[in-house]
Amino acid sequence: MLIINADDWGCSVAETDAALRCYKGGRITSVSAMVFMEDSERAAELAKENELDVGLHLNFTDKFTA
């Protein structure tokens, strides 16, 4: 099994939407979610709705935006 993961899920609307398009198109198999960011809450709901596998993106450098 090959796992292809997209990073920065929830960082912004644009990044979340791009990753979701890739997932729906079969180009990725999972995402790494950033918490306390601009689109974190919506991204969490989208992940649930789409049964998307989600891991945690540890963020030590970017300021929280939410």
Foldseek 3Di string as FASTA:
>chain_A
DDAFEAEAQQQEPVSVVVVVVCVVVVNGQAYAYEPLHDRRVVSVVVCVVVVHHYHHDDDDDDDRHD
